[in-house]
């Protein structure tokens, strides 16, 4: 679907996320630092259905967030200006819906 170095836009922050510190203790936990709906990211690496953005990885081995973070491709679309505007609109609609319920 995607290729490395392509720009993508986050369209959903409900992630089936895989986060690993290397020792396996963080697998399945949603990281504090994660993609934001409507924001554009550059793909650094692809592993099956998951993509990684270097800017969201933590390189500090002493931090609890240390390690690579892999994000499911279904939560992103290829970058185009109209996709960015659509994602921002979806975030506003979702927040209004959440407040009503």
C-alpha atoms as a PDB file:
ATOM      1  CA  UNK A   1       0.000   0.000   0.000  1.00  0.00           C
ATOM      2  CA  UNK A   2       2.618   2.553   1.084  1.00  0.00           C
ATOM      3  CA  UNK A   3       6.325   2.936   0.390  1.00  0.00           C
ATOM      4  CA  UNK A   4       9.190   4.214   2.522  1.00  0.00           C
ATOM      5  CA  UNK A   5       9.729   7.994   2.361  1.00  0.00           C
ATOM      6  CA  UNK A   6       6.115   8.668   1.337  1.00  0.00           C
ATOM      7  CA  UNK A   7       4.125  11.282   3.224  1.00  0.00           C
ATOM      8  CA  UNK A   8       0.980  10.061   4.962  1.00  0.00           C
ATOM      9  CA  UNK A   9      -1.740  11.734   7.029  1.00  0.00           C
ATOM     10  CA  UNK A  10      -3.106  10.242  10.249  1.00  0.00           C
ATOM     11  CA  UNK A  11      -6.892   9.794   9.952  1.00  0.00           C
ATOM     12  CA  UNK A  12      -7.596   7.913  13.209  1.00  0.00           C
ATOM     13  CA  UNK A  13      -5.895   7.769  16.582  1.00  0.00           C
ATOM     14  CA  UNK A  14      -7.573   4.487  17.608  1.00  0.00           C
ATOM     15  CA  UNK A  15      -4.470   2.385  17.044  1.00  0.00           C
ATOM     16  CA  UNK A  16      -3.815  -1.307  17.222  1.00  0.00           C
ATOM     17  CA  UNK A  17      -0.274  -0.374  18.205  1.00  0.00           C
ATOM     18  CA  UNK A  18       2.792  -2.485  18.719  1.00  0.00           C
ATOM     19  CA  UNK A  19       5.338  -0.824  20.973  1.00  0.00           C
ATOM     20  CA  UNK A  20       8.420  -2.722  22.004  1.00  0.00           C
ATOM     21  CA  UNK A  21      11.361  -1.741  24.162  1.00  0.00           C
ATOM     22  CA  UNK A  22      13.367  -4.697  22.952  1.00  0.00           C
ATOM     23  CA  UNK A  23      12.644  -6.754  26.054  1.00  0.00           C
ATOM     24  CA  UNK A  24       8.963  -7.259  25.206  1.00  0.00           C
ATOM     25  CA  UNK A  25       7.596  -5.494  28.276  1.00  0.00           C
ATOM     26  CA  UNK A  26       5.757  -2.774  26.346  1.00  0.00           C
ATOM     27  CA  UNK A  27       4.150  -4.855  23.584  1.00  0.00           C
ATOM     28  CA  UNK A  28       0.497  -3.932  23.117  1.00  0.00           C
ATOM     29  CA  UNK A  29       0.663  -0.758  25.208  1.00  0.00           C
ATOM     30  CA  UNK A  30      -0.261   2.512  23.527  1.00  0.00           C
ATOM     31  CA  UNK A  31       2.699   4.897  23.736  1.00  0.00           C
ATOM     32  CA  UNK A  32       2.332   8.379  25.185  1.00  0.00           C
ATOM     33  CA  UNK A  33       3.870   9.822  22.024  1.00  0.00           C
ATOM     34  CA  UNK A  34       1.707   8.765  19.082  1.00  0.00           C
ATOM     35  CA  UNK A  35       0.428  10.071  15.750  1.00  0.00           C
ATOM     36  CA  UNK A  36      -2.048  12.948  15.838  1.00  0.00           C
ATOM     37  CA  UNK A  37      -5.110  13.052  13.580  1.00  0.00           C
ATOM     38  CA  UNK A  38      -4.575  15.458  10.687  1.00  0.00           C
ATOM     39  CA  UNK A  39      -0.796  15.555  11.016  1.00  0.00           C
ATOM     40  CA  UNK A  40       1.526  14.540   8.179  1.00  0.00           C
ATOM     41  CA  UNK A  41       4.308  11.990   8.726  1.00  0.00           C
ATOM     42  CA  UNK A  42       7.079  10.538   6.546  1.00  0.00           C
ATOM     43  CA  UNK A  43       7.330   6.731   6.539  1.00  0.00           C
ATOM     44  CA  UNK A  44      10.782   5.557   7.600  1.00  0.00           C
ATOM     45  CA  UNK A  45      10.202   1.817   7.557  1.00  0.00           C
ATOM     46  CA  UNK A  46       7.507  -0.716   6.674  1.00  0.00           C
ATOM     47  CA  UNK A  47       7.022  -4.133   8.250  1.00  0.00           C
ATOM     48  CA  UNK A  48       4.026  -5.978   6.800  1.00  0.00           C
ATOM     49  CA  UNK A  49       0.911  -3.980   7.691  1.00  0.00           C
ATOM     50  CA  UNK A  50       2.800  -1.709  10.081  1.00  0.00           C
ATOM     51  CA  UNK A  51       4.710   1.494   9.439  1.00  0.00           C
ATOM     52  CA  UNK A  52       7.241   3.358  11.544  1.00  0.00           C
ATOM     53  CA  UNK A  53       8.011   7.063  11.800  1.00  0.00           C
ATOM     54  CA  UNK A  54      11.437   7.886  13.196  1.00  0.00           C
ATOM     55  CA  UNK A  55      10.154  11.139  14.695  1.00  0.00           C
ATOM     56  CA  UNK A  56       7.846   9.140  17.018  1.00  0.00           C
ATOM     57  CA  UNK A  57      10.507   6.664  18.196  1.00  0.00           C
ATOM     58  CA  UNK A  58      12.289   7.203  21.491  1.00  0.00           C
ATOM     59  CA  UNK A  59      16.078   6.786  21.392  1.00  0.00           C
ATOM     60  CA  UNK A  60      16.680   7.345  25.113  1.00  0.00           C
ATOM     61  CA  UNK A  61      17.322   3.883  26.647  1.00  0.00           C
ATOM     62  CA  UNK A  62      16.464   5.242  30.119  1.00  0.00           C
ATOM     63  CA  UNK A  63      12.994   6.459  29.102  1.00  0.00           C
ATOM     64  CA  UNK A  64       9.917   4.244  29.561  1.00  0.00           C
ATOM     65  CA  UNK A  65       8.977   5.041  25.946  1.00  0.00           C
ATOM     66  CA  UNK A  66      12.307   3.721  24.612  1.00  0.00           C
ATOM     67  CA  UNK A  67      12.159   1.810  21.342  1.00  0.00           C
ATOM     68  CA  UNK A  68      10.517   1.698  17.945  1.00  0.00           C
ATOM     69  CA  UNK A  69       6.800   2.230  17.574  1.00  0.00           C
ATOM     70  CA  UNK A  70       4.887   0.536  14.777  1.00  0.00           C
ATOM     71  CA  UNK A  71       1.530   1.870  13.596  1.00  0.00           C
ATOM     72  CA  UNK A  72      -1.096   0.023  11.586  1.00  0.00           C
ATOM     73  CA  UNK A  73      -1.353   1.329   8.009  1.00  0.00           C
ATOM     74  CA  UNK A  74      -5.166   1.455   8.119  1.00  0.00           C
ATOM     75  CA  UNK A  75      -4.984   4.617  10.255  1.00  0.00           C
ATOM     76  CA  UNK A  76      -3.225   6.606   7.512  1.00  0.00           C
ATOM     77  CA  UNK A  77      -3.872   7.829   3.979  1.00  0.00           C
ATOM     78  CA  UNK A  78      -1.432   9.038   1.369  1.00  0.00           C
ATOM     79  CA  UNK A  79      -0.751  12.753   1.773  1.00  0.00           C
ATOM     80  CA  UNK A  80      -2.826  15.136  -0.302  1.00  0.00           C
ATOM     81  CA  UNK A  81      -4.079  18.516   0.863  1.00  0.00           C
ATOM     82  CA  UNK A  82      -7.726  17.355   0.824  1.00  0.00           C
ATOM     83  CA  UNK A  83      -6.859  14.337   3.021  1.00  0.00           C
ATOM     84  CA  UNK A  84      -5.361  16.641   5.657  1.00  0.00           C
ATOM     85  CA  UNK A  85      -8.503  18.777   5.675  1.00  0.00           C
ATOM     86  CA  UNK A  86     -10.702  15.641   5.855  1.00  0.00           C
ATOM     87  CA  UNK A  87      -8.759  14.274   8.832  1.00  0.00           C
ATOM     88  CA  UNK A  88      -9.088  17.535  10.743  1.00  0.00           C
ATOM     89  CA  UNK A  89     -12.822  17.574  10.011  1.00  0.00           C
ATOM     90  CA  UNK A  90     -13.160  13.961  11.234  1.00  0.00           C
ATOM     91  CA  UNK A  91     -11.375  14.818  14.492  1.00  0.00           C
ATOM     92  CA  UNK A  92     -13.778  17.716  15.158  1.00  0.00           C
ATOM     93  CA  UNK A  93     -16.816  15.531  14.392  1.00  0.00           C
ATOM     94  CA  UNK A  94     -15.525  12.732  16.657  1.00  0.00           C
ATOM     95  CA  UNK A  95     -14.915  15.109  19.566  1.00  0.00           C
ATOM     96  CA  UNK A  96     -18.438  16.589  19.207  1.00  0.00           C
ATOM     97  CA  UNK A  97     -19.926  13.064  19.125  1.00  0.00           C
ATOM     98  CA  UNK A  98     -17.959  12.040  22.241  1.00  0.00           C
ATOM     99  CA  UNK A  99     -19.220  15.086  24.167  1.00  0.00           C
ATOM    100  CA  UNK A 100     -22.822  14.250  23.252  1.00  0.00           C
ATOM    101  CA  UNK A 101     -22.521  10.682  24.553  1.00  0.00           C
END
